[in-house]
Structures are given as C-alpha cells and as structure tokens.
C-alpha cells in the first residue's frame, strides 16, 4: 500500500516508475483489518469507490480482563472498515493510470551499485530478470531485506507483535456500529484482541501478541476460550482461513534513507505502536517518498545527504505521534491484568469515557493525548497508569539487562 502510493506520487511527476509485487495479485494475501480513522484517512488518501468501504464505525467497546467494559461513542462515524485488498488494487490502478508499470509475481531479491552509482536489481519470480534504476523505494514490509542490507532496519523481538485474523459470519450479539477491543495477558499478552464488524453481518476477528507468546495458540484460545468472544462466535462460520503476520510497533529506526534508497511503510516501522495500524501513516509517508524520489531524480541528486529531505518531512508530520504512542504502549501493554482492571475501574469512576468521546482523530494520538491531558480526570487516569506501570517497566528493563550480560 505505501509502495503503490509512492509509485503513484512519483508517476504523477512524469517519472518512469516500476512496481514489483511478489504475489500474483495486488492485495492478496490480505493481513490487515483495514480499520482507519476517517478524518486522517481523507486527508491523505485519494477518493474511494463506495464498494471499498465495508462499514462505518461510531464507537468502540473496550474490554478489560475482568472489570466492566468502557464504551466510547460518537453520533457520527469516526472510523471506516475498508476492504483492504480492494483498496490496494484501487491504489495500484491509479498508479498504473498515471504511467507506472506493474510487475506481478516479481520480487526484488538483491541489488548492486554500478561504478556510476546506478542500482542493478536482481528480480526473482516467474520471469527472473535484471534491470537498472536510479532510485529504489523499499516498501516490502516487516523485515525488509533491502533495507536491512543497507543498515536501515535493525529488527529486535521487542519491536514486533505477531497477529492472527480471520473473517467470520453469523456472529451473536455484535453491534455493527462498534468495534470491540479485548485486553488481558491470558488471551492477548502484550497487545489485544478485536472484533471489527462489517455492515453485512460478518466481522474480522483477530488477536496480536508480543514477546515470545505463540500467536497461533493465543488466537485459538481467544476465539474458543475467552468468556465473551467465544459466546459471540459459538454459531459463527469462518469465511476465510486465519492469516498470520508480524507487525513492527517499536517506532521507526534512526534512518529511513541511504544513497539512492528510501524505505517506507512497515519496512520503515511507520506504524502506530498502540494499535499496529499502518494505513494512514503509510499513505502519508508513501506520498512523501514518491515526491522526494521524483525531485531527486529530476535534479540528479540522489545521494543520502540530499534524500535527508524525506526523513525530515515525514518526521515533522508523524514523528511526535510515533514517539508518544511508543511511550503509551510501553506504559500499558506490559501491565498485569489486575493493574489493567484497576485503570479501567478508575476510568469508569472518573467518567473518562466522556473525555475520550470528544476524540475525533484516532491516528495522530500524540497530539490527541496532549489535548486530553488538560482535563484533570484524564490526567488522573494517565497518572494511575504511569504509577502502576513502573514495576512492569522496571522488570522489563531488568530482563533486557540480564539478556545482555
């Protein structure tokens, strides 16, 4: 998605652009829930055909491990549920119409720099090939090999969560106006589970887990043993098989550019650490990458020193929010269940839902956090989370120190 967005932006500047897609069809397999905030999405995405929007969501029900759930609601839709595969295909079609060439069943496996600095790419797939280019934008996802090769990605286990999701129909007691989010170390250690309804009565059900948790076992336990989720799925029928996918949630690396190379989207960890969502940030950064590449080639200045513009632009746009969300994730997601329950209980007593219901932009959460913190009730809730998190954060740090000795 971020790759075709970059290709679209570059092709609009009259560049010769090629898109290499390793699968036989754009958008497949689809690992993403396609849940986006409407406000930010409209800011960065092209206009969508109505068929791509599967539902309009007005609120969320947040389930702690054992306390009462917290319900957030707005009179008008706040988020959309997208058909992610169709969305990717729509973006690709826009790029192709703008002049980009799409190569399916093609994966960039390696590259070499020529004496003149031109990149020689080795492309594998149905028709292996070698070709040259002036610039490369790596949007190959989590663990991107090209970016790792040039030292732009240094993955660690603590930076990843593993997700599992499938589509089901015939659920019980699911309101199509609300997404449901489930917390608790017993079922979603280190992250959370979800039910995201479509307007046709089906839903996307999944879980993401951190650390060394086995995502397949956690997913099976979540859908079959969780006291609330299992009841909702008792008569449900799977529409798709479960899909498993790693998500980088540790924030972006120190650099996302090198000589003639930019990295974008999941490959650059431009993903919300709180939710694992990367669509809006991928769209925004993909456009910046495409525009930066177009300008660099047009002016024949493709060295790293000139490509620093890309890094500066995207960090100005989302850098603060990425840092704030990474802090919030460290604050909350290592907490034992009893501490999570206590935070929810304090939130309920202080009616923190009244504050959160004012939130319209769910993507730029850093700025939202600053705004909400002005309310004493939210500040007290945040302070309680901070105090309760201290033992968990210290314990995590001790584990890291022991691992390094």
Protein backbone atom coordinates (compact mmCIF):
# COMPACT_ATOMS: atom_id res chain seq x y z
CA UNK A 1 0.00 0.00 0.00
CA UNK A 2 2.72 2.51 0.91
CA UNK A 3 4.72 1.32 -2.10
CA UNK A 4 1.97 1.89 -4.65
CA UNK A 5 1.23 5.25 -3.01
CA UNK A 6 4.87 6.22 -3.55
CA UNK A 7 4.69 4.94 -7.14
CA UNK A 8 1.51 6.94 -7.75
CA UNK A 9 3.09 10.14 -6.40
CA UNK A 10 6.27 9.64 -8.45
CA UNK A 11 4.41 8.72 -11.64
CA UNK A 12 2.34 11.90 -11.34
CA UNK A 13 5.65 13.79 -11.66
CA UNK A 14 6.23 12.12 -15.07
CA UNK A 15 8.89 9.68 -13.86
CA UNK A 16 9.40 6.21 -15.27
CA UNK A 17 8.20 4.01 -12.41
CA UNK A 18 8.04 0.25 -11.95
CA UNK A 19 6.17 -1.55 -9.15
CA UNK A 20 7.36 -5.04 -8.21
CA UNK A 21 4.70 -7.15 -6.48
CA UNK A 22 5.85 -10.57 -5.30
CA UNK A 23 2.36 -12.10 -5.37
CA UNK A 24 0.25 -12.95 -8.43
CA UNK A 25 -2.35 -10.36 -7.47
CA UNK A 26 -2.17 -6.99 -5.73
CA UNK A 27 -3.75 -7.04 -2.26
CA UNK A 28 -3.54 -10.80 -1.76
CA UNK A 29 -2.95 -12.23 0.70
CA UNK A 30 -4.53 -9.57 2.93
CA UNK A 31 -3.28 -9.44 6.54
CA UNK A 32 -4.73 -6.09 7.58
CA UNK A 33 -8.02 -5.33 9.34
CA UNK A 34 -8.48 -2.20 7.22
CA UNK A 35 -9.73 -0.13 10.16
CA UNK A 36 -8.91 3.58 9.64
CA UNK A 37 -9.81 6.92 11.16
CA UNK A 38 -11.98 8.83 8.68
CA UNK A 39 -10.54 12.27 9.43
CA UNK A 40 -6.88 11.42 8.77
CA UNK A 41 -7.65 8.94 6.00
CA UNK A 42 -9.48 11.56 3.94
CA UNK A 43 -6.50 13.86 4.39
CA UNK A 44 -4.03 11.50 2.74
CA UNK A 45 -5.99 9.03 0.59
CA UNK A 46 -7.48 9.52 -2.88
CA UNK A 47 -11.25 9.38 -3.17
CA UNK A 48 -12.56 5.83 -2.79
CA UNK A 49 -15.27 3.91 -4.62
CA UNK A 50 -18.09 3.13 -2.19
CA UNK A 51 -17.57 -0.62 -2.62
CA UNK A 52 -14.26 -0.41 -0.71
CA UNK A 53 -15.91 0.92 2.48
CA UNK A 54 -17.35 -2.13 4.27
CA UNK A 55 -18.66 -0.33 7.35
CA UNK A 56 -18.82 2.97 9.18
CA UNK A 57 -18.00 2.76 12.89
CA UNK A 58 -19.33 5.15 15.54
CA UNK A 59 -17.68 3.79 18.65
CA UNK A 60 -15.66 1.18 20.49
CA UNK A 61 -16.21 -1.14 23.43
CA UNK A 62 -13.00 -1.74 25.40
CA UNK A 63 -12.99 -4.91 27.50
CA UNK A 64 -10.53 -5.14 30.42
CA UNK A 65 -9.59 -8.58 31.77
CA UNK A 66 -12.42 -8.74 34.33
CA UNK A 67 -13.85 -5.26 35.01
CA UNK A 68 -16.82 -3.62 33.29
CA UNK A 69 -16.15 -2.56 29.69
CA UNK A 70 -15.63 1.07 28.72
CA UNK A 71 -17.83 2.27 25.86
CA UNK A 72 -16.85 5.14 23.59
CA UNK A 73 -19.42 6.59 21.21
CA UNK A 74 -19.84 9.43 18.73
CA UNK A 75 -23.12 10.36 16.97
CA UNK A 76 -21.38 10.33 13.58
CA UNK A 77 -18.98 7.72 12.18
CA UNK A 78 -15.38 8.09 13.35
CA UNK A 79 -13.75 5.17 11.51
CA UNK A 80 -14.19 3.14 8.36
CA UNK A 81 -13.69 -0.56 7.82
CA UNK A 82 -12.08 -0.98 4.41
CA UNK A 83 -11.81 -3.95 2.10
CA UNK A 84 -8.04 -3.80 2.29
CA UNK A 85 -7.40 -5.97 -0.76
CA UNK A 86 -9.69 -3.84 -2.94
CA UNK A 87 -8.14 -0.69 -1.52
CA UNK A 88 -4.65 -1.85 -2.53
CA UNK A 89 -5.88 -2.73 -6.01
CA UNK A 90 -7.52 0.69 -6.32
CA UNK A 91 -4.25 2.44 -5.44
CA UNK A 92 -2.34 0.26 -7.89
CA UNK A 93 -4.79 1.08 -10.67
CA UNK A 94 -4.32 4.81 -10.03
CA UNK A 95 -0.55 4.39 -10.21
CA UNK A 96 -0.79 2.44 -13.47
CA UNK A 97 -3.13 5.01 -14.99
CA UNK A 98 -0.54 7.65 -14.11
CA UNK A 99 2.12 5.75 -16.06
CA UNK A 100 3.65 3.29 -13.58
CA UNK A 101 4.31 -0.25 -14.80
CA UNK A 102 3.13 -3.09 -12.55
CA UNK A 103 5.11 -6.36 -12.45
CA UNK A 104 3.29 -9.24 -10.72
CA UNK A 105 4.99 -12.39 -9.41
CA UNK A 106 8.15 -10.28 -9.13
CA UNK A 107 10.32 -9.77 -6.07
CA UNK A 108 13.45 -7.63 -5.80
CA UNK A 109 15.89 -10.11 -4.27
CA UNK A 110 19.12 -8.12 -4.23
CA UNK A 111 20.92 -5.18 -5.78
CA UNK A 112 24.38 -3.92 -6.63
CA UNK A 113 25.68 -0.42 -7.20
CA UNK A 114 27.40 0.21 -10.50
CA UNK A 115 30.50 2.38 -10.89
CA UNK A 116 28.23 5.27 -11.79
CA UNK A 117 26.04 4.66 -8.73
CA UNK A 118 23.13 3.22 -10.70
CA UNK A 119 21.36 0.36 -8.91
CA UNK A 120 21.37 -3.04 -10.62
CA UNK A 121 18.39 -5.01 -9.36
CA UNK A 122 18.01 -8.78 -9.40
CA UNK A 123 14.32 -9.59 -9.70
CA UNK A 124 13.07 -13.10 -8.95
CA UNK A 125 9.75 -14.68 -9.78
CA UNK A 126 8.10 -16.31 -12.77
CA UNK A 127 10.35 -14.36 -15.12
CA UNK A 128 13.67 -13.65 -13.35
CA UNK A 129 15.28 -10.52 -14.64
CA UNK A 130 17.96 -7.90 -14.01
CA UNK A 131 17.43 -4.22 -14.57
CA UNK A 132 18.79 -0.82 -13.62
CA UNK A 133 17.22 2.11 -11.81
CA UNK A 134 18.27 5.47 -10.41
CA UNK A 135 16.38 5.04 -7.14
CA UNK A 136 14.72 2.30 -5.12
CA UNK A 137 11.86 2.70 -2.63
CA UNK A 138 11.67 -0.32 -0.33
CA UNK A 139 8.08 -1.00 0.71
CA UNK A 140 8.46 -4.76 1.12
CA UNK A 141 7.03 -4.87 4.64
CA UNK A 142 8.24 -6.04 8.02
CA UNK A 143 11.81 -7.37 7.89
CA UNK A 144 12.52 -5.74 4.52
CA UNK A 145 15.67 -7.37 3.14
CA UNK A 146 16.92 -4.41 1.08
CA UNK A 147 16.62 -2.00 3.99
CA UNK A 148 18.38 -4.44 6.31
CA UNK A 149 21.19 -4.85 3.80
CA UNK A 150 21.94 -1.13 3.76
CA UNK A 151 21.61 -0.88 7.56
CA UNK A 152 18.31 0.97 7.75
CA UNK A 153 16.42 -1.71 9.70
CA UNK A 154 17.71 -3.36 12.86
CA UNK A 155 14.86 -5.59 13.98
CA UNK A 156 14.51 -6.91 17.51
CA UNK A 157 11.94 -9.18 19.11
CA UNK A 158 10.73 -6.38 21.34
CA UNK A 159 9.82 -4.31 18.25
CA UNK A 160 7.39 -6.87 16.83
CA UNK A 161 3.98 -8.26 17.62
CA UNK A 162 2.53 -11.22 15.76
CA UNK A 163 -1.06 -11.07 14.58
CA UNK A 164 -3.69 -13.58 13.52
CA UNK A 165 -7.05 -12.75 11.93
CA UNK A 166 -9.88 -14.43 10.06
CA UNK A 167 -13.26 -13.35 8.69
CA UNK A 168 -16.42 -14.91 10.08
CA UNK A 169 -20.19 -14.64 9.66
CA UNK A 170 -23.22 -15.46 11.82
CA UNK A 171 -21.87 -13.86 14.99
CA UNK A 172 -24.06 -13.34 18.03
CA UNK A 173 -24.58 -10.06 19.89
CA UNK A 174 -22.30 -7.86 17.80
CA UNK A 175 -23.35 -4.27 17.09
CA UNK A 176 -22.16 -3.12 13.66
CA UNK A 177 -21.65 0.43 14.99
CA UNK A 178 -18.92 -0.65 17.43
CA UNK A 179 -15.52 -2.26 17.22
CA UNK A 180 -14.67 -4.43 20.22
CA UNK A 181 -11.20 -4.49 21.79
CA UNK A 182 -10.12 -7.10 24.34
CA UNK A 183 -7.23 -6.71 26.77
CA UNK A 184 -5.64 -9.26 29.08
CA UNK A 185 -2.42 -11.22 29.39
CA UNK A 186 -4.26 -14.56 29.37
CA UNK A 187 -5.61 -14.14 25.84
CA UNK A 188 -3.58 -11.36 24.18
CA UNK A 189 -0.29 -10.99 26.08
CA UNK A 190 1.45 -7.75 25.25
CA UNK A 191 -1.25 -6.40 22.93
CA UNK A 192 -5.01 -7.01 22.39
CA UNK A 193 -7.71 -8.87 20.50
CA UNK A 194 -10.51 -7.43 18.35
CA UNK A 195 -13.84 -7.90 16.63
CA UNK A 196 -14.37 -5.46 13.75
CA UNK A 197 -17.87 -5.76 12.26
CA UNK A 198 -18.88 -5.26 8.65
CA UNK A 199 -22.28 -3.88 7.70
CA UNK A 200 -23.27 -7.22 6.11
CA UNK A 201 -23.17 -9.01 9.49
CA UNK A 202 -19.75 -10.58 9.10
CA UNK A 203 -16.68 -9.47 11.06
CA UNK A 204 -12.92 -9.52 11.21
CA UNK A 205 -11.76 -11.29 14.37
CA UNK A 206 -8.16 -11.31 15.44
CA UNK A 207 -5.50 -11.04 18.08
CA UNK A 208 -1.97 -9.67 18.27
CA UNK A 209 0.56 -10.78 20.85
CA UNK A 210 4.01 -9.59 21.86
CA UNK A 211 7.19 -11.12 23.16
CA UNK A 212 7.61 -14.85 22.91
CA UNK A 213 3.89 -15.69 23.02
CA UNK A 214 2.74 -18.27 20.45
CA UNK A 215 0.27 -16.35 18.28
CA UNK A 216 -1.43 -19.50 16.93
CA UNK A 217 -2.12 -20.83 20.41
CA UNK A 218 -3.25 -17.42 21.66
CA UNK A 219 -5.59 -16.98 18.69
CA UNK A 220 -7.18 -20.39 19.22
CA UNK A 221 -7.58 -19.70 22.93
CA UNK A 222 -9.04 -16.25 22.22
CA UNK A 223 -11.78 -17.47 19.89
CA UNK A 224 -12.62 -20.67 21.80
CA UNK A 225 -11.99 -19.88 25.48
CA UNK A 226 -12.50 -16.16 26.02
CA UNK A 227 -15.76 -15.96 28.00
CA UNK A 228 -17.21 -13.14 25.88
CA UNK A 229 -15.64 -13.75 22.47
CA UNK A 230 -16.31 -17.49 22.44
CA UNK A 231 -20.01 -16.85 23.14
CA UNK A 232 -20.22 -14.40 20.24
CA UNK A 233 -18.53 -16.94 17.94
CA UNK A 234 -20.43 -20.02 19.16
CA UNK A 235 -22.51 -20.27 15.96
CA UNK A 236 -20.16 -18.36 13.67
CA UNK A 237 -18.85 -19.75 10.40
CA UNK A 238 -15.38 -18.90 9.10
CA UNK A 239 -15.29 -17.16 5.72
CA UNK A 240 -11.51 -17.20 5.41
CA UNK A 241 -8.67 -19.18 6.94
CA UNK A 242 -6.61 -17.43 9.64
CA UNK A 243 -3.84 -15.21 8.31
CA UNK A 244 -0.68 -14.64 10.37
CA UNK A 245 1.54 -11.60 10.07
CA UNK A 246 4.24 -9.75 12.07
CA UNK A 247 3.75 -6.05 12.80
CA UNK A 248 6.59 -3.66 13.74
CA UNK A 249 5.43 -1.50 16.65
CA UNK A 250 8.67 -0.20 18.13
CA UNK A 251 8.74 3.07 16.21
CA UNK A 252 10.84 3.98 13.20
CA UNK A 253 14.61 3.30 13.02
CA UNK A 254 17.12 6.14 13.25
CA UNK A 255 17.33 6.47 9.47
CA UNK A 256 14.98 5.62 6.62
CA UNK A 257 17.18 6.73 3.71
CA UNK A 258 20.52 5.84 2.12
CA UNK A 259 22.21 6.60 -1.19
CA UNK A 260 19.51 6.15 -3.86
CA UNK A 261 17.25 4.24 -1.41
CA UNK A 262 14.21 5.19 0.66
CA UNK A 263 12.28 2.86 2.94
CA UNK A 264 8.59 3.33 3.70
CA UNK A 265 5.58 1.80 5.48
CA UNK A 266 6.07 -1.37 7.52
CA UNK A 267 9.60 -1.62 6.13
CA UNK A 268 10.34 1.64 7.98
CA UNK A 269 8.18 0.76 11.02
CA UNK A 270 5.92 3.72 10.21
CA UNK A 271 3.18 2.00 12.19
CA UNK A 272 1.15 3.12 15.21
CA UNK A 273 2.75 1.41 18.23
CA UNK A 274 -0.55 1.49 20.14
CA UNK A 275 -2.70 -0.35 17.60
CA UNK A 276 -0.39 -1.72 14.91
CA UNK A 277 -2.29 0.28 12.29
CA UNK A 278 -0.21 1.49 9.36
CA UNK A 279 -2.61 2.59 6.62
CA UNK A 280 -2.79 6.33 7.28
CA UNK A 281 0.91 6.69 8.09
CA UNK A 282 1.78 4.51 5.08
CA UNK A 283 -0.27 6.74 2.79
CA UNK A 284 1.29 9.91 4.17
CA UNK A 285 4.88 8.65 4.10
CA UNK A 286 4.41 6.90 0.76
CA UNK A 287 3.40 10.17 -0.86
CA UNK A 288 6.40 11.95 0.67
CA UNK A 289 8.71 9.17 -0.53
CA UNK A 290 7.37 9.36 -4.08
CA UNK A 291 7.64 13.14 -4.20
CA UNK A 292 11.17 13.07 -2.74
CA UNK A 293 12.30 10.46 -5.26
CA UNK A 294 10.82 12.43 -8.15
CA UNK A 295 12.59 15.60 -7.12
CA UNK A 296 15.90 13.81 -6.51
CA UNK A 297 15.88 12.19 -9.94
CA UNK A 298 14.74 15.33 -11.70
CA UNK A 299 17.59 17.32 -10.09
CA UNK A 300 20.04 14.37 -10.33
CA UNK A 301 20.85 14.49 -6.61
CA UNK A 302 20.18 11.01 -5.23
CA UNK A 303 22.87 10.79 -2.54
CA UNK A 304 21.90 10.22 1.08
CA UNK A 305 22.68 13.82 2.01
CA UNK A 306 20.03 15.06 -0.42
CA UNK A 307 17.49 12.35 0.46
CA UNK A 308 17.51 13.54 4.07
CA UNK A 309 14.57 15.70 2.99
CA UNK A 310 12.36 12.61 3.07
CA UNK A 311 13.29 11.86 6.66
CA UNK A 312 12.75 15.46 7.74
CA UNK A 313 9.34 15.72 6.09
CA UNK A 314 7.80 12.53 7.45
CA UNK A 315 9.19 13.07 10.96
CA UNK A 316 7.70 16.57 11.04
CA UNK A 317 4.38 15.03 10.12
CA UNK A 318 4.18 11.95 12.37
CA UNK A 319 7.40 11.80 14.42
CA UNK A 320 5.94 13.24 17.62
CA UNK A 321 2.90 10.99 17.41
CA UNK A 322 5.05 7.89 16.86
CA UNK A 323 7.14 8.73 19.93
CA UNK A 324 4.11 9.46 22.10
CA UNK A 325 2.37 6.26 21.04
CA UNK A 326 5.51 4.21 21.68
CA UNK A 327 5.61 5.66 25.20
CA UNK A 328 1.93 4.87 25.71
CA UNK A 329 2.43 1.31 24.50
CA UNK A 330 5.30 0.74 26.93
CA UNK A 331 3.12 2.22 29.66
CA UNK A 332 0.12 -0.05 29.20
CA UNK A 333 0.84 -3.28 27.40
CA UNK A 334 3.14 -4.95 29.92
CA UNK A 335 0.73 -4.43 32.77
CA UNK A 336 -0.57 -7.44 34.73
CA UNK A 337 -4.30 -7.98 34.41
CA UNK A 338 -5.03 -6.71 37.94
CA UNK A 339 -3.41 -3.36 37.07
CA UNK A 340 -5.31 -3.07 33.79
CA UNK A 341 -8.54 -3.76 35.67
CA UNK A 342 -7.70 -1.05 38.19
CA UNK A 343 -7.06 1.51 35.43
CA UNK A 344 -10.40 0.69 33.84
CA UNK A 345 -12.10 0.95 37.23
CA UNK A 346 -10.55 4.38 37.87
CA UNK A 347 -11.53 5.47 34.36
CA UNK A 348 -15.10 4.40 34.99
CA UNK A 349 -15.32 6.15 38.34
CA UNK A 350 -13.94 9.37 36.84
CA UNK A 351 -16.15 9.03 33.74
CA UNK A 352 -13.09 9.20 31.49
CA UNK A 353 -15.28 7.98 28.62
CA UNK A 354 -16.83 11.44 28.48
CA UNK A 355 -13.40 12.86 27.68
CA UNK A 356 -12.43 10.18 25.16
CA UNK A 357 -15.75 10.60 23.36
CA UNK A 358 -14.54 14.05 22.29
CA UNK A 359 -11.71 12.48 20.32
CA UNK A 360 -12.21 12.72 16.56
CA UNK A 361 -8.73 11.86 15.26
CA UNK A 362 -7.63 8.36 16.29
CA UNK A 363 -4.49 8.32 14.14
CA UNK A 364 -2.47 11.28 15.43
CA UNK A 365 -2.70 10.10 19.00
CA UNK A 366 0.26 12.06 20.34
CA UNK A 367 -1.43 15.39 19.74
CA UNK A 368 -4.74 13.97 20.98
CA UNK A 369 -3.01 12.80 24.16
CA UNK A 370 -1.68 16.29 24.86
CA UNK A 371 -5.12 17.80 24.32
CA UNK A 372 -6.93 15.30 26.56
CA UNK A 373 -4.34 15.55 29.34
CA UNK A 374 -5.59 19.07 30.09
CA UNK A 375 -8.69 17.52 31.64
CA UNK A 376 -7.99 16.60 35.32
CA UNK A 377 -9.96 13.35 35.01
CA UNK A 378 -7.86 12.13 32.12
CA UNK A 379 -4.68 13.31 33.86
CA UNK A 380 -5.55 11.27 36.96
CA UNK A 381 -6.27 8.20 34.83
CA UNK A 382 -2.97 8.65 32.98
CA UNK A 383 -1.12 9.17 36.26
CA UNK A 384 -2.59 5.97 37.70
CA UNK A 385 -1.46 4.08 34.59
CA UNK A 386 2.03 5.54 34.96
CA UNK A 387 2.31 4.57 38.62
CA UNK A 388 1.02 1.05 38.01
CA UNK A 389 3.36 0.61 35.04
CA UNK A 390 6.57 1.31 36.96
CA UNK A 391 7.08 -2.24 38.32
CA UNK A 392 6.40 -3.77 34.91
CA UNK A 393 8.74 -1.38 33.11
CA UNK A 394 11.49 -1.92 35.66
CA UNK A 395 11.02 -5.68 35.34
CA UNK A 396 11.24 -5.45 31.57
CA UNK A 397 14.42 -3.41 31.82
CA UNK A 398 15.93 -5.95 34.20
CA UNK A 399 15.16 -8.73 31.72
CA UNK A 400 16.91 -6.80 28.96
CA UNK A 401 19.97 -6.20 31.13
CA UNK A 402 20.16 -9.85 32.08
CA UNK A 403 19.88 -10.86 28.42
CA UNK A 404 22.82 -8.66 27.50
CA UNK A 405 25.18 -9.93 30.20
